[in-house]
Amino acid sequence: MLSSWKFWLGLLLLLGLVWVVEQNFGWLAVLAAWQAIPPTSLALAVGLMLLSYWLRALRFFDFFHHYCQGQFPRLLHITVVHNFFNNLLPMRSGESAFPLLMKRHFQLPYRHSVPALLWLRLLDLYALLALAAVSLQSLLPLDAHWRFALSALLIIAPLLVLPLQNALAHWLQRHPSNWSDKVVELLHALPKSPWPFTRALLWTLLNWSLKLAVFAWLLGQFLPIPYHQAWIGATSGELSSVLPIHGVAGAGTYEAGVLAGLLPWGINRIDALAAAVNLHLFVLGCTFALTGLFVAALRPWLSRTGNTHATHH
């Protein structure tokens, strides 16, 4: 990792963020804002984040149920570890943890896990954009007909994916070649019928709705802004983590994403940056705390079932 330009660029972003925060208002002033949040409210927010980890694992468990039946705790462990590395390593390099762990524990081939993970990431992107559009719909200068058209587009867009995907697979099968056979093999990893596709979409929307609700509430604790503005700031911050480029632990790029969603509302950039930093600290704090909690809680179960699972495979 130390020889990768991605790591050093991500580290430079981290150091740049530390310097910018200290120069503008000081880290002690930033952290002092947490004193205004009631401990019970913060504990509830952390509890909801824990629930989001479960929802993420349930989405993977539902999607890969043919490989991991009866092994939800093991898949939950993989999901938590994957999320940990994905949040900390730069430039999406943490994504590689998931196919590696699925291969190790469930013998899932890379040709199935990699395209499936990419497909689920596209669902994440759709969910973020759709939820942002819904939150802004009442504020857009559109009449009722255009708002209805926008709502219809949000609903129809994912419904077009499955028939287009299946049509592509059928066309490639009728025109065999070396490259088309490889593409068909990759497409086999994706849902082929509406019901599993719909379940994956619903899990995705539910998980992101919960996370964005928590993040928007937390932004509102640091900034006196309407909830829909905080929702957009939280959404743009999360978009920075879905897209291919981000720094070590998302430092710099996450804050830039939050600012991109807040500054168009005329919010003071210094106040917005302080709020973005605190939101990011919450995300990282949950990453470390909940990963440690899940790993410690699941370790006895994994130890008891490890030998049996290895023998089975």
C-alpha atoms as a PDB file:
ATOM      1  CA  MET A   1       0.000   0.000   0.000  1.00  0.00           C
ATOM      2  CA  LEU A   2       2.849   2.389   0.839  1.00  0.00           C
ATOM      3  CA  SER A   3       4.090   2.230  -2.747  1.00  0.00           C
ATOM      4  CA  SER A   4       0.697   3.249  -4.159  1.00  0.00           C
ATOM      5  CA  TRP A   5       0.098   6.841  -5.276  1.00  0.00           C
ATOM      6  CA  LYS A   6      -3.483   6.421  -4.070  1.00  0.00           C
ATOM      7  CA  PHE A   7      -2.324   6.009  -0.484  1.00  0.00           C
ATOM      8  CA  TRP A   8      -0.039   9.040  -0.564  1.00  0.00           C
ATOM      9  CA  LEU A   9      -2.667  11.210  -2.251  1.00  0.00           C
ATOM     10  CA  GLY A  10      -5.205  10.129   0.360  1.00  0.00           C
ATOM     11  CA  LEU A  11      -2.720  10.865   3.147  1.00  0.00           C
ATOM     12  CA  LEU A  12      -2.072  14.316   1.666  1.00  0.00           C
ATOM     13  CA  LEU A  13      -5.812  15.022   1.718  1.00  0.00           C
ATOM     14  CA  LEU A  14      -5.958  13.965   5.374  1.00  0.00           C
ATOM     15  CA  LEU A  15      -3.086  16.227   6.387  1.00  0.00           C
ATOM     16  CA  GLY A  16      -4.563  19.074   4.356  1.00  0.00           C
ATOM     17  CA  LEU A  17      -7.886  18.748   6.164  1.00  0.00           C
ATOM     18  CA  VAL A  18      -6.205  18.763   9.585  1.00  0.00           C
ATOM     19  CA  TRP A  19      -4.326  21.942   8.654  1.00  0.00           C
ATOM     20  CA  VAL A  20      -7.379  23.723   7.180  1.00  0.00           C
ATOM     21  CA  VAL A  21      -9.525  22.997  10.240  1.00  0.00           C
ATOM     22  CA  GLU A  22      -6.830  24.164  12.654  1.00  0.00           C
ATOM     23  CA  GLN A  23      -6.169  27.347  10.667  1.00  0.00           C
ATOM     24  CA  ASN A  24      -9.838  28.326  10.346  1.00  0.00           C
ATOM     25  CA  PHE A  25     -11.242  27.673  13.817  1.00  0.00           C
ATOM     26  CA  GLY A  26      -9.114  25.144  15.721  1.00  0.00           C
ATOM     27  CA  TRP A  27      -9.909  21.544  16.541  1.00  0.00           C
ATOM     28  CA  LEU A  28     -10.899  22.281  20.126  1.00  0.00           C
ATOM     29  CA  ALA A  29     -13.594  24.705  18.936  1.00  0.00           C
ATOM     30  CA  VAL A  30     -14.903  22.116  16.479  1.00  0.00           C
ATOM     31  CA  LEU A  31     -15.121  19.362  19.080  1.00  0.00           C
ATOM     32  CA  ALA A  32     -16.771  21.686  21.617  1.00  0.00           C
ATOM     33  CA  ALA A  33     -19.940  21.618  19.493  1.00  0.00           C
ATOM     34  CA  TRP A  34     -20.622  18.048  20.682  1.00  0.00           C
ATOM     35  CA  GLN A  35     -21.367  19.309  24.190  1.00  0.00           C
ATOM     36  CA  ALA A  36     -24.722  20.692  22.997  1.00  0.00           C
ATOM     37  CA  ILE A  37     -26.024  17.235  21.950  1.00  0.00           C
ATOM     38  CA  PRO A  38     -27.845  15.274  24.699  1.00  0.00           C
ATOM     39  CA  PRO A  39     -26.090  11.943  25.387  1.00  0.00           C
ATOM     40  CA  THR A  40     -29.369  10.032  25.017  1.00  0.00           C
ATOM     41  CA  SER A  41     -29.956  11.499  21.548  1.00  0.00           C
ATOM     42  CA  LEU A  42     -26.416  10.634  20.506  1.00  0.00           C
ATOM     43  CA  ALA A  43     -26.831   7.091  21.841  1.00  0.00           C
ATOM     44  CA  LEU A  44     -30.025   6.722  19.799  1.00  0.00           C
ATOM     45  CA  ALA A  45     -28.196   7.895  16.679  1.00  0.00           C
ATOM     46  CA  VAL A  46     -25.457   5.311  17.265  1.00  0.00           C
ATOM     47  CA  GLY A  47     -28.112   2.647  17.819  1.00  0.00           C
ATOM     48  CA  LEU A  48     -29.726   3.500  14.483  1.00  0.00           C
ATOM     49  CA  MET A  49     -26.323   3.241  12.818  1.00  0.00           C
ATOM     50  CA  LEU A  50     -25.964  -0.221  14.333  1.00  0.00           C
ATOM     51  CA  LEU A  51     -29.317  -1.091  12.778  1.00  0.00           C
ATOM     52  CA  SER A  52     -28.060   0.146   9.408  1.00  0.00           C
ATOM     53  CA  TYR A  53     -25.178  -2.334   9.659  1.00  0.00           C
ATOM     54  CA  TRP A  54     -27.727  -5.118  10.101  1.00  0.00           C
ATOM     55  CA  LEU A  55     -29.713  -3.890   7.105  1.00  0.00           C
ATOM     56  CA  ARG A  56     -26.590  -3.829   4.940  1.00  0.00           C
ATOM     57  CA  ALA A  57     -25.752  -7.382   5.981  1.00  0.00           C
ATOM     58  CA  LEU A  58     -29.344  -8.514   5.321  1.00  0.00           C
ATOM     59  CA  ARG A  59     -29.102  -7.120   1.799  1.00  0.00           C
ATOM     60  CA  PHE A  60     -25.955  -9.153   1.133  1.00  0.00           C
ATOM     61  CA  PHE A  61     -27.461 -12.218   2.830  1.00  0.00           C
ATOM     62  CA  ASP A  62     -30.583 -11.993   0.674  1.00  0.00           C
ATOM     63  CA  PHE A  63     -28.546 -11.427  -2.491  1.00  0.00           C
ATOM     64  CA  PHE A  64     -26.064 -14.293  -1.883  1.00  0.00           C
ATOM     65  CA  HIS A  65     -28.388 -16.658  -0.016  1.00  0.00           C
ATOM     66  CA  HIS A  66     -27.476 -19.622  -2.260  1.00  0.00           C
ATOM     67  CA  TYR A  67     -23.908 -19.427  -0.926  1.00  0.00           C
ATOM     68  CA  CYS A  68     -24.434 -18.491   2.715  1.00  0.00           C
ATOM     69  CA  GLN A  69     -27.626 -20.185   3.917  1.00  0.00           C
ATOM     70  CA  GLY A  70     -27.574 -20.552   7.695  1.00  0.00           C
ATOM     71  CA  GLN A  71     -24.419 -18.432   7.923  1.00  0.00           C
ATOM     72  CA  PHE A  72     -25.791 -14.949   8.587  1.00  0.00           C
ATOM     73  CA  PRO A  73     -23.402 -14.197  11.491  1.00  0.00           C
ATOM     74  CA  ARG A  74     -20.436 -15.024   9.261  1.00  0.00           C
ATOM     75  CA  LEU A  75     -21.788 -12.788   6.492  1.00  0.00           C
ATOM     76  CA  LEU A  76     -22.489 -10.041   9.032  1.00  0.00           C
ATOM     77  CA  HIS A  77     -18.845 -10.265  10.096  1.00  0.00           C
ATOM     78  CA  ILE A  78     -17.720  -9.985   6.452  1.00  0.00           C
ATOM     79  CA  THR A  79     -20.017  -7.009   5.877  1.00  0.00           C
ATOM     80  CA  VAL A  80     -18.710  -5.151   8.925  1.00  0.00           C
ATOM     81  CA  VAL A  81     -15.057  -5.780   8.040  1.00  0.00           C
ATOM     82  CA  HIS A  82     -15.689  -4.771   4.422  1.00  0.00           C
ATOM     83  CA  ASN A  83     -17.345  -1.541   5.555  1.00  0.00           C
ATOM     84  CA  PHE A  84     -14.439  -0.838   7.928  1.00  0.00           C
ATOM     85  CA  PHE A  85     -11.804  -1.117   5.204  1.00  0.00           C
ATOM     86  CA  ASN A  86     -13.973   0.712   2.698  1.00  0.00           C
ATOM     87  CA  ASN A  87     -14.364   3.684   5.035  1.00  0.00           C
ATOM     88  CA  LEU A  88     -10.672   3.880   5.883  1.00  0.00           C
ATOM     89  CA  LEU A  89      -8.714   2.956   2.765  1.00  0.00           C
ATOM     90  CA  PRO A  90      -8.387   5.553  -0.024  1.00  0.00           C
ATOM     91  CA  MET A  91      -9.742   5.487  -3.580  1.00  0.00           C
ATOM     92  CA  ARG A  92     -12.257   2.670  -2.992  1.00  0.00           C
ATOM     93  CA  SER A  93      -9.421   0.187  -2.446  1.00  0.00           C
ATOM     94  CA  GLY A  94     -11.326  -1.208   0.543  1.00  0.00           C
ATOM     95  CA  GLU A  95     -13.913  -2.654  -1.859  1.00  0.00           C
ATOM     96  CA  SER A  96     -11.506  -5.495  -2.635  1.00  0.00           C
ATOM     97  CA  ALA A  97     -12.048  -6.864   0.888  1.00  0.00           C
ATOM     98  CA  PHE A  98     -15.547  -8.103   0.042  1.00  0.00           C
ATOM     99  CA  PRO A  99     -14.766 -10.447  -2.890  1.00  0.00           C
ATOM    100  CA  LEU A 100     -11.661 -11.707  -1.071  1.00  0.00           C
ATOM    101  CA  LEU A 101     -13.614 -12.540   2.084  1.00  0.00           C
ATOM    102  CA  MET A 102     -16.524 -14.079   0.168  1.00  0.00           C
ATOM    103  CA  LYS A 103     -14.072 -16.281  -1.723  1.00  0.00           C
ATOM    104  CA  ARG A 104     -12.365 -17.343   1.482  1.00  0.00           C
ATOM    105  CA  HIS A 105     -15.457 -18.082   3.564  1.00  0.00           C
ATOM    106  CA  PHE A 106     -18.098 -19.106   0.999  1.00  0.00           C
ATOM    107  CA  GLN A 107     -16.087 -20.127  -2.064  1.00  0.00           C
ATOM    108  CA  LEU A 108     -17.893 -17.434  -4.063  1.00  0.00           C
ATOM    109  CA  PRO A 109     -16.011 -16.937  -7.366  1.00  0.00           C
ATOM    110  CA  TYR A 110     -14.686 -13.478  -8.130  1.00  0.00           C
ATOM    111  CA  ARG A 111     -16.579 -13.512 -11.430  1.00  0.00           C
ATOM    112  CA  HIS A 112     -19.784 -13.529  -9.342  1.00  0.00           C
ATOM    113  CA  SER A 113     -18.874 -11.378  -6.338  1.00  0.00           C
ATOM    114  CA  VAL A 114     -17.236  -8.493  -8.246  1.00  0.00           C
ATOM    115  CA  PRO A 115     -20.063  -7.769 -10.736  1.00  0.00           C
ATOM    116  CA  ALA A 116     -22.652  -8.278  -7.985  1.00  0.00           C
ATOM    117  CA  LEU A 117     -20.863  -5.776  -5.749  1.00  0.00           C
ATOM    118  CA  LEU A 118     -20.663  -3.273  -8.608  1.00  0.00           C
ATOM    119  CA  TRP A 119     -24.367  -3.777  -9.314  1.00  0.00           C
ATOM    120  CA  LEU A 120     -25.226  -3.158  -5.657  1.00  0.00           C
ATOM    121  CA  ARG A 121     -23.081  -0.016  -5.668  1.00  0.00           C
ATOM    122  CA  LEU A 122     -25.095   1.261  -8.622  1.00  0.00           C
ATOM    123  CA  LEU A 123     -28.233   0.625  -6.550  1.00  0.00           C
ATOM    124  CA  ASP A 124     -26.638   2.684  -3.764  1.00  0.00           C
ATOM    125  CA  LEU A 125     -26.033   5.533  -6.193  1.00  0.00           C
ATOM    126  CA  TYR A 126     -29.615   5.361  -7.451  1.00  0.00           C
ATOM    127  CA  ALA A 127     -30.994   5.358  -3.900  1.00  0.00           C
ATOM    128  CA  LEU A 128     -28.959   8.422  -2.906  1.00  0.00           C
ATOM    129  CA  LEU A 129     -30.012  10.382  -5.990  1.00  0.00           C
ATOM    130  CA  ALA A 130     -33.657   9.304  -5.724  1.00  0.00           C
ATOM    131  CA  LEU A 131     -33.925  10.220  -2.037  1.00  0.00           C
ATOM    132  CA  ALA A 132     -32.283  13.589  -2.727  1.00  0.00           C
ATOM    133  CA  ALA A 133     -34.753  14.264  -5.553  1.00  0.00           C
ATOM    134  CA  VAL A 134     -37.703  13.364  -3.314  1.00  0.00           C
ATOM    135  CA  SER A 135     -36.488  15.678  -0.546  1.00  0.00           C
ATOM    136  CA  LEU A 136     -36.107  18.577  -2.998  1.00  0.00           C
ATOM    137  CA  GLN A 137     -39.236  17.986  -5.065  1.00  0.00           C
ATOM    138  CA  SER A 138     -41.446  20.398  -3.161  1.00  0.00           C
ATOM    139  CA  LEU A 139     -38.804  23.134  -3.514  1.00  0.00           C
ATOM    140  CA  LEU A 140     -38.287  22.826  -7.255  1.00  0.00           C
ATOM    141  CA  PRO A 141     -40.007  25.475  -9.421  1.00  0.00           C
ATOM    142  CA  LEU A 142     -42.144  22.854 -11.175  1.00  0.00           C
ATOM    143  CA  ASP A 143     -45.871  22.580 -11.638  1.00  0.00           C
ATOM    144  CA  ALA A 144     -47.825  19.472 -10.657  1.00  0.00           C
ATOM    145  CA  HIS A 145     -47.414  17.798 -14.064  1.00  0.00           C
ATOM    146  CA  TRP A 146     -43.626  18.061 -14.017  1.00  0.00           C
ATOM    147  CA  ARG A 147     -43.459  16.841 -10.450  1.00  0.00           C
ATOM    148  CA  PHE A 148     -45.561  13.838 -11.416  1.00  0.00           C
ATOM    149  CA  ALA A 149     -43.230  13.200 -14.372  1.00  0.00           C
ATOM    150  CA  LEU A 150     -40.195  13.374 -12.082  1.00  0.00           C
ATOM    151  CA  SER A 151     -41.785  10.932  -9.634  1.00  0.00           C
ATOM    152  CA  ALA A 152     -42.682   8.576 -12.468  1.00  0.00           C
ATOM    153  CA  LEU A 153     -39.111   8.721 -13.788  1.00  0.00           C
ATOM    154  CA  LEU A 154     -37.706   7.837 -10.363  1.00  0.00           C
ATOM    155  CA  ILE A 155     -40.010   4.809 -10.199  1.00  0.00           C
ATOM    156  CA  ILE A 156     -39.562   3.652 -13.789  1.00  0.00           C
ATOM    157  CA  ALA A 157     -35.760   4.014 -13.985  1.00  0.00           C
ATOM    158  CA  PRO A 158     -34.897   0.929 -11.882  1.00  0.00           C
ATOM    159  CA  LEU A 159     -37.681  -1.085 -13.537  1.00  0.00           C
ATOM    160  CA  LEU A 160     -35.935  -0.692 -16.897  1.00  0.00           C
ATOM    161  CA  VAL A 161     -32.679  -2.190 -15.664  1.00  0.00           C
ATOM    162  CA  LEU A 162     -33.836  -5.803 -15.430  1.00  0.00           C
ATOM    163  CA  PRO A 163     -35.393  -6.155 -18.931  1.00  0.00           C
ATOM    164  CA  LEU A 164     -32.424  -4.364 -20.505  1.00  0.00           C
ATOM    165  CA  GLN A 165     -29.994  -6.587 -18.637  1.00  0.00           C
ATOM    166  CA  ASN A 166     -31.821  -9.772 -19.661  1.00  0.00           C
ATOM    167  CA  ALA A 167     -32.158  -8.585 -23.256  1.00  0.00           C
ATOM    168  CA  LEU A 168     -28.399  -7.978 -23.377  1.00  0.00           C
ATOM    169  CA  ALA A 169     -27.708 -11.469 -22.007  1.00  0.00           C
ATOM    170  CA  HIS A 170     -30.019 -13.093 -24.594  1.00  0.00           C
ATOM    171  CA  TRP A 171     -28.432 -11.129 -27.438  1.00  0.00           C
ATOM    172  CA  LEU A 172     -24.926 -12.122 -26.348  1.00  0.00           C
ATOM    173  CA  GLN A 173     -25.946 -15.773 -26.103  1.00  0.00           C
ATOM    174  CA  ARG A 174     -27.217 -15.650 -29.685  1.00  0.00           C
ATOM    175  CA  HIS A 175     -23.936 -14.086 -30.847  1.00  0.00           C
ATOM    176  CA  PRO A 176     -21.276 -16.164 -29.068  1.00  0.00           C
ATOM    177  CA  SER A 177     -17.641 -15.111 -28.988  1.00  0.00           C
ATOM    178  CA  ASN A 178     -14.822 -15.109 -26.471  1.00  0.00           C
ATOM    179  CA  TRP A 179     -15.713 -11.709 -25.035  1.00  0.00           C
ATOM    180  CA  SER A 180     -19.506 -12.232 -25.150  1.00  0.00           C
ATOM    181  CA  ASP A 181     -19.198 -15.509 -23.221  1.00  0.00           C
ATOM    182  CA  LYS A 182     -17.256 -13.694 -20.513  1.00  0.00           C
ATOM    183  CA  VAL A 183     -19.857 -10.930 -20.298  1.00  0.00           C
ATOM    184  CA  VAL A 184     -22.679 -13.493 -20.060  1.00  0.00           C
ATOM    185  CA  GLU A 185     -20.793 -15.215 -17.230  1.00  0.00           C
ATOM    186  CA  LEU A 186     -20.594 -11.898 -15.373  1.00  0.00           C
ATOM    187  CA  LEU A 187     -24.292 -11.214 -15.943  1.00  0.00           C
ATOM    188  CA  HIS A 188     -25.144 -14.571 -14.362  1.00  0.00           C
ATOM    189  CA  ALA A 189     -24.182 -13.027 -11.013  1.00  0.00           C
ATOM    190  CA  LEU A 190     -27.018 -10.471 -11.257  1.00  0.00           C
ATOM    191  CA  PRO A 191     -30.750 -10.922 -10.545  1.00  0.00           C
ATOM    192  CA  LYS A 192     -32.704 -12.310 -13.491  1.00  0.00           C
ATOM    193  CA  SER A 193     -36.258 -11.999 -12.149  1.00  0.00           C
ATOM    194  CA  PRO A 194     -38.198  -9.058 -10.669  1.00  0.00           C
ATOM    195  CA  TRP A 195     -38.613 -10.331  -7.106  1.00  0.00           C
ATOM    196  CA  PRO A 196     -34.926 -10.579  -6.047  1.00  0.00           C
ATOM    197  CA  PHE A 197     -34.263  -7.328  -7.897  1.00  0.00           C
ATOM    198  CA  THR A 198     -37.090  -5.620  -5.996  1.00  0.00           C
ATOM    199  CA  ARG A 199     -35.907  -6.981  -2.664  1.00  0.00           C
ATOM    200  CA  ALA A 200     -32.388  -5.675  -3.263  1.00  0.00           C
ATOM    201  CA  LEU A 201     -33.795  -2.260  -4.176  1.00  0.00           C
ATOM    202  CA  LEU A 202     -36.016  -2.151  -1.082  1.00  0.00           C
ATOM    203  CA  TRP A 203     -33.154  -3.142   1.239  1.00  0.00           C
ATOM    204  CA  THR A 204     -31.046  -0.398  -0.354  1.00  0.00           C
ATOM    205  CA  LEU A 205     -33.677   2.312  -0.013  1.00  0.00           C
ATOM    206  CA  LEU A 206     -34.457   1.333   3.572  1.00  0.00           C
ATOM    207  CA  ASN A 207     -30.812   1.367   4.625  1.00  0.00           C
ATOM    208  CA  TRP A 208     -30.017   4.710   2.986  1.00  0.00           C
ATOM    209  CA  SER A 209     -33.213   6.329   4.293  1.00  0.00           C
ATOM    210  CA  LEU A 210     -32.185   5.380   7.820  1.00  0.00           C
ATOM    211  CA  LYS A 211     -28.569   6.540   7.447  1.00  0.00           C
ATOM    212  CA  LEU A 212     -29.454   9.846   5.802  1.00  0.00           C
ATOM    213  CA  ALA A 213     -32.115  10.550   8.428  1.00  0.00           C
ATOM    214  CA  VAL A 214     -29.501  10.139  11.178  1.00  0.00           C
ATOM    215  CA  PHE A 215     -26.862  12.188   9.351  1.00  0.00           C
ATOM    216  CA  ALA A 216     -29.297  14.992   8.495  1.00  0.00           C
ATOM    217  CA  TRP A 217     -30.447  15.162  12.128  1.00  0.00           C
ATOM    218  CA  LEU A 218     -26.833  15.355  13.288  1.00  0.00           C
ATOM    219  CA  LEU A 219     -25.970  18.106  10.809  1.00  0.00           C
ATOM    220  CA  GLY A 220     -28.965  20.006  12.152  1.00  0.00           C
ATOM    221  CA  GLN A 221     -27.433  19.844  15.633  1.00  0.00           C
ATOM    222  CA  PHE A 222     -24.353  21.700  14.387  1.00  0.00           C
ATOM    223  CA  LEU A 223     -26.067  24.119  11.985  1.00  0.00           C
ATOM    224  CA  PRO A 224     -29.363  26.026  12.425  1.00  0.00           C
ATOM    225  CA  ILE A 225     -30.712  24.962   9.007  1.00  0.00           C
ATOM    226  CA  PRO A 226     -33.949  23.381   7.767  1.00  0.00           C
ATOM    227  CA  TYR A 227     -34.046  19.593   7.705  1.00  0.00           C
ATOM    228  CA  HIS A 228     -34.204  19.322   3.905  1.00  0.00           C
ATOM    229  CA  GLN A 229     -30.988  21.332   3.599  1.00  0.00           C
ATOM    230  CA  ALA A 230     -29.261  19.061   6.118  1.00  0.00           C
ATOM    231  CA  TRP A 231     -30.570  16.053   4.167  1.00  0.00           C
ATOM    232  CA  ILE A 232     -28.967  17.324   0.958  1.00  0.00           C
ATOM    233  CA  GLY A 233     -25.690  17.998   2.771  1.00  0.00           C
ATOM    234  CA  ALA A 234     -25.697  14.474   4.201  1.00  0.00           C
ATOM    235  CA  THR A 235     -26.547  13.034   0.781  1.00  0.00           C
ATOM    236  CA  SER A 236     -23.757  14.833  -1.049  1.00  0.00           C
ATOM    237  CA  GLY A 237     -21.323  13.759   1.663  1.00  0.00           C
ATOM    238  CA  GLU A 238     -22.287  10.131   1.183  1.00  0.00           C
ATOM    239  CA  LEU A 239     -22.073  10.516  -2.588  1.00  0.00           C
ATOM    240  CA  SER A 240     -18.396  11.320  -2.136  1.00  0.00           C
ATOM    241  CA  SER A 241     -17.923   7.856  -0.608  1.00  0.00           C
ATOM    242  CA  VAL A 242     -19.883   6.042  -3.318  1.00  0.00           C
ATOM    243  CA  LEU A 243     -17.897   7.641  -6.142  1.00  0.00           C
ATOM    244  CA  PRO A 244     -14.469   6.226  -7.075  1.00  0.00           C
ATOM    245  CA  ILE A 245     -12.251   8.878  -5.444  1.00  0.00           C
ATOM    246  CA  HIS A 246     -11.838   9.609  -1.757  1.00  0.00           C
ATOM    247  CA  GLY A 247      -8.985  10.102   0.679  1.00  0.00           C
ATOM    248  CA  VAL A 248      -7.702   8.073   3.615  1.00  0.00           C
ATOM    249  CA  ALA A 249     -10.771   7.567   5.823  1.00  0.00           C
ATOM    250  CA  GLY A 250     -12.562   9.895   3.376  1.00  0.00           C
ATOM    251  CA  ALA A 251     -10.666  12.860   4.824  1.00  0.00           C
ATOM    252  CA  GLY A 252     -11.135  15.986   2.741  1.00  0.00           C
ATOM    253  CA  THR A 253     -13.333  14.416   0.095  1.00  0.00           C
ATOM    254  CA  TYR A 254     -16.184  13.678   2.521  1.00  0.00           C
ATOM    255  CA  GLU A 255     -16.126  17.224   3.855  1.00  0.00           C
ATOM    256  CA  ALA A 256     -16.017  18.580   0.300  1.00  0.00           C
ATOM    257  CA  GLY A 257     -19.065  16.483  -0.516  1.00  0.00           C
ATOM    258  CA  VAL A 258     -21.024  17.852   2.451  1.00  0.00           C
ATOM    259  CA  LEU A 259     -20.020  21.424   1.544  1.00  0.00           C
ATOM    260  CA  ALA A 260     -21.203  20.853  -2.037  1.00  0.00           C
ATOM    261  CA  GLY A 261     -24.665  20.149  -0.650  1.00  0.00           C
ATOM    262  CA  LEU A 262     -24.718  22.977   1.910  1.00  0.00           C
ATOM    263  CA  LEU A 263     -23.074  25.988   0.275  1.00  0.00           C
ATOM    264  CA  PRO A 264     -25.715  26.462  -2.488  1.00  0.00           C
ATOM    265  CA  TRP A 265     -28.183  27.312   0.311  1.00  0.00           C
ATOM    266  CA  GLY A 266     -26.073  30.321   1.297  1.00  0.00           C
ATOM    267  CA  ILE A 267     -24.699  28.738   4.469  1.00  0.00           C
ATOM    268  CA  ASN A 268     -21.473  30.223   5.826  1.00  0.00           C
ATOM    269  CA  ARG A 269     -18.629  28.058   4.519  1.00  0.00           C
ATOM    270  CA  ILE A 270     -16.687  28.100   7.819  1.00  0.00           C
ATOM    271  CA  ASP A 271     -19.729  26.946   9.803  1.00  0.00           C
ATOM    272  CA  ALA A 272     -20.541  24.371   7.116  1.00  0.00           C
ATOM    273  CA  LEU A 273     -16.986  22.990   7.188  1.00  0.00           C
ATOM    274  CA  ALA A 274     -17.067  22.638  10.982  1.00  0.00           C
ATOM    275  CA  ALA A 275     -20.387  20.768  10.769  1.00  0.00           C
ATOM    276  CA  ALA A 276     -19.065  18.552   7.967  1.00  0.00           C
ATOM    277  CA  VAL A 277     -15.980  17.660  10.020  1.00  0.00           C
ATOM    278  CA  ASN A 278     -18.115  16.738  13.028  1.00  0.00           C
ATOM    279  CA  LEU A 279     -20.436  14.620  10.892  1.00  0.00           C
ATOM    280  CA  HIS A 280     -17.411  12.827   9.463  1.00  0.00           C
ATOM    281  CA  LEU A 281     -16.058  12.252  12.967  1.00  0.00           C
ATOM    282  CA  PHE A 282     -19.377  10.635  13.861  1.00  0.00           C
ATOM    283  CA  VAL A 283     -19.172   8.343  10.817  1.00  0.00           C
ATOM    284  CA  LEU A 284     -15.602   7.319  11.655  1.00  0.00           C
ATOM    285  CA  GLY A 285     -16.398   6.922  15.351  1.00  0.00           C
ATOM    286  CA  CYS A 286     -19.272   4.588  14.501  1.00  0.00           C
ATOM    287  CA  THR A 287     -17.023   2.706  12.081  1.00  0.00           C
ATOM    288  CA  PHE A 288     -14.451   1.951  14.782  1.00  0.00           C
ATOM    289  CA  ALA A 289     -16.878   1.414  17.673  1.00  0.00           C
ATOM    290  CA  LEU A 290     -19.456  -0.719  15.857  1.00  0.00           C
ATOM    291  CA  THR A 291     -16.832  -2.757  14.012  1.00  0.00           C
ATOM    292  CA  GLY A 292     -15.178  -3.572  17.330  1.00  0.00           C
ATOM    293  CA  LEU A 293     -18.549  -4.387  18.891  1.00  0.00           C
ATOM    294  CA  PHE A 294     -19.642  -6.702  16.076  1.00  0.00           C
ATOM    295  CA  VAL A 295     -16.277  -8.453  15.770  1.00  0.00           C
ATOM    296  CA  ALA A 296     -16.114  -9.088  19.522  1.00  0.00           C
ATOM    297  CA  ALA A 297     -19.718 -10.296  19.669  1.00  0.00           C
ATOM    298  CA  LEU A 298     -19.399 -12.582  16.636  1.00  0.00           C
ATOM    299  CA  ARG A 299     -15.995 -14.066  17.472  1.00  0.00           C
ATOM    300  CA  PRO A 300     -17.326 -16.841  19.805  1.00  0.00           C
ATOM    301  CA  TRP A 301     -19.869 -17.949  17.173  1.00  0.00           C
ATOM    302  CA  LEU A 302     -17.256 -17.928  14.408  1.00  0.00           C
ATOM    303  CA  SER A 303     -14.870 -19.928  16.580  1.00  0.00           C
ATOM    304  CA  ARG A 304     -17.519 -22.585  17.306  1.00  0.00           C
ATOM    305  CA  THR A 305     -18.605 -22.927  13.682  1.00  0.00           C
ATOM    306  CA  GLY A 306     -15.234 -22.397  11.980  1.00  0.00           C
ATOM    307  CA  ASN A 307     -14.173 -26.027  11.848  1.00  0.00           C
ATOM    308  CA  THR A 308     -17.589 -27.277  10.780  1.00  0.00           C
ATOM    309  CA  HIS A 309     -17.840 -24.631   8.075  1.00  0.00           C
ATOM    310  CA  ALA A 310     -14.350 -25.428   6.752  1.00  0.00           C
ATOM    311  CA  THR A 311     -15.138 -29.157   6.656  1.00  0.00           C
ATOM    312  CA  HIS A 312     -18.405 -28.503   4.819  1.00  0.00           C
ATOM    313  CA  HIS A 313     -16.564 -26.650   2.061  1.00  0.00           C
END
